[in-house]
């Protein structure tokens, strides 16, 4: 279950897992598609850093394949 205290990117990951019933495990293609490297993605998912606009846009494009999401989901 998602909590409001988790980072916005982590909330998207949690929602992906709830909607698809799959474990989210980013692949090399995911990193290439979003333009975010492994270390940076870990920082975003943990809430250590906030996504830049292009990163947020790419994440929304990726996750919107599985459920309805907007860039405002990453700015909360």
C-alpha atoms as a PDB file:
ATOM      1  CA  UNK A   1       0.000   0.000   0.000  1.00  0.00           C
ATOM      2  CA  UNK A   2       1.360   3.428  -0.877  1.00  0.00           C
ATOM      3  CA  UNK A   3       1.942   6.143   1.653  1.00  0.00           C
ATOM      4  CA  UNK A   4       2.041   9.886   1.127  1.00  0.00           C
ATOM      5  CA  UNK A   5       5.426  10.125   2.842  1.00  0.00           C
ATOM      6  CA  UNK A   6       7.205   8.188   0.092  1.00  0.00           C
ATOM      7  CA  UNK A   7       8.959   9.951  -2.776  1.00  0.00           C
ATOM      8  CA  UNK A   8       6.825  10.744  -5.847  1.00  0.00           C
ATOM      9  CA  UNK A   9       8.828   8.364  -8.063  1.00  0.00           C
ATOM     10  CA  UNK A  10       8.461   5.611  -5.470  1.00  0.00           C
ATOM     11  CA  UNK A  11       4.708   6.205  -5.429  1.00  0.00           C
ATOM     12  CA  UNK A  12       4.656   5.660  -9.209  1.00  0.00           C
ATOM     13  CA  UNK A  13       6.614   2.432  -8.760  1.00  0.00           C
ATOM     14  CA  UNK A  14       4.220   1.291  -6.029  1.00  0.00           C
ATOM     15  CA  UNK A  15       1.241   2.101  -8.215  1.00  0.00           C
ATOM     16  CA  UNK A  16       2.780   0.216 -11.153  1.00  0.00           C
ATOM     17  CA  UNK A  17       3.179  -2.834  -8.937  1.00  0.00           C
ATOM     18  CA  UNK A  18      -0.397  -2.570  -7.681  1.00  0.00           C
ATOM     19  CA  UNK A  19      -1.868  -2.105 -11.169  1.00  0.00           C
ATOM     20  CA  UNK A  20       0.161  -4.761 -12.996  1.00  0.00           C
ATOM     21  CA  UNK A  21       0.803  -7.209 -10.138  1.00  0.00           C
ATOM     22  CA  UNK A  22       4.433  -7.278 -11.315  1.00  0.00           C
ATOM     23  CA  UNK A  23       7.616  -6.358  -9.459  1.00  0.00           C
ATOM     24  CA  UNK A  24       9.178  -3.242 -10.946  1.00  0.00           C
ATOM     25  CA  UNK A  25      12.728  -4.027 -11.969  1.00  0.00           C
ATOM     26  CA  UNK A  26      14.172  -1.399 -14.314  1.00  0.00           C
ATOM     27  CA  UNK A  27      15.998  -2.807 -17.312  1.00  0.00           C
ATOM     28  CA  UNK A  28      18.718  -1.312 -19.467  1.00  0.00           C
ATOM     29  CA  UNK A  29      16.003  -0.386 -21.983  1.00  0.00           C
ATOM     30  CA  UNK A  30      14.072   1.445 -19.248  1.00  0.00           C
ATOM     31  CA  UNK A  31      17.140   3.533 -18.422  1.00  0.00           C
ATOM     32  CA  UNK A  32      17.787   4.237 -22.106  1.00  0.00           C
ATOM     33  CA  UNK A  33      14.152   5.136 -22.748  1.00  0.00           C
ATOM     34  CA  UNK A  34      13.918   7.520 -19.799  1.00  0.00           C
ATOM     35  CA  UNK A  35      17.436   8.931 -20.143  1.00  0.00           C
ATOM     36  CA  UNK A  36      18.024   8.378 -16.421  1.00  0.00           C
ATOM     37  CA  UNK A  37      20.969   6.301 -15.251  1.00  0.00           C
ATOM     38  CA  UNK A  38      20.787   3.671 -12.527  1.00  0.00           C
ATOM     39  CA  UNK A  39      22.309   5.803  -9.756  1.00  0.00           C
ATOM     40  CA  UNK A  40      20.190   8.853 -10.568  1.00  0.00           C
ATOM     41  CA  UNK A  41      17.027   6.718 -10.672  1.00  0.00           C
ATOM     42  CA  UNK A  42      17.834   5.296  -7.237  1.00  0.00           C
ATOM     43  CA  UNK A  43      18.220   8.854  -5.925  1.00  0.00           C
ATOM     44  CA  UNK A  44      14.862   9.839  -7.415  1.00  0.00           C
ATOM     45  CA  UNK A  45      13.088   6.748  -6.096  1.00  0.00           C
ATOM     46  CA  UNK A  46      14.436   7.285  -2.584  1.00  0.00           C
ATOM     47  CA  UNK A  47      13.461  10.969  -2.595  1.00  0.00           C
ATOM     48  CA  UNK A  48      17.073  12.023  -2.228  1.00  0.00           C
ATOM     49  CA  UNK A  49      16.727  14.196  -5.349  1.00  0.00           C
ATOM     50  CA  UNK A  50      13.820  15.608  -7.317  1.00  0.00           C
ATOM     51  CA  UNK A  51      13.386  14.821 -11.017  1.00  0.00           C
ATOM     52  CA  UNK A  52      14.232  17.492 -13.564  1.00  0.00           C
ATOM     53  CA  UNK A  53      11.448  18.407 -15.991  1.00  0.00           C
ATOM     54  CA  UNK A  54      12.684  16.181 -18.829  1.00  0.00           C
ATOM     55  CA  UNK A  55      13.170  13.248 -16.442  1.00  0.00           C
ATOM     56  CA  UNK A  56       9.682  13.723 -15.026  1.00  0.00           C
ATOM     57  CA  UNK A  57       8.220  13.887 -18.516  1.00  0.00           C
ATOM     58  CA  UNK A  58       9.992  10.672 -19.549  1.00  0.00           C
ATOM     59  CA  UNK A  59       8.874   8.867 -16.391  1.00  0.00           C
ATOM     60  CA  UNK A  60       5.265   9.938 -16.945  1.00  0.00           C
ATOM     61  CA  UNK A  61       5.428   8.708 -20.554  1.00  0.00           C
ATOM     62  CA  UNK A  62       6.754   5.346 -19.385  1.00  0.00           C
ATOM     63  CA  UNK A  63       4.288   4.790 -16.530  1.00  0.00           C
ATOM     64  CA  UNK A  64       1.290   6.115 -18.481  1.00  0.00           C
ATOM     65  CA  UNK A  65       1.509   2.941 -20.578  1.00  0.00           C
ATOM     66  CA  UNK A  66       0.202   1.070 -17.529  1.00  0.00           C
ATOM     67  CA  UNK A  67      -2.075   3.576 -15.771  1.00  0.00           C
ATOM     68  CA  UNK A  68      -3.227   7.151 -16.057  1.00  0.00           C
ATOM     69  CA  UNK A  69      -0.622   9.557 -14.708  1.00  0.00           C
ATOM     70  CA  UNK A  70       0.430  13.161 -15.217  1.00  0.00           C
ATOM     71  CA  UNK A  71       3.477  15.227 -14.435  1.00  0.00           C
ATOM     72  CA  UNK A  72       1.639  16.649 -11.424  1.00  0.00           C
ATOM     73  CA  UNK A  73       1.950  13.181  -9.821  1.00  0.00           C
ATOM     74  CA  UNK A  74       5.696  13.820  -9.615  1.00  0.00           C
ATOM     75  CA  UNK A  75       5.485  17.353  -8.254  1.00  0.00           C
ATOM     76  CA  UNK A  76       3.497  16.522  -5.125  1.00  0.00           C
END
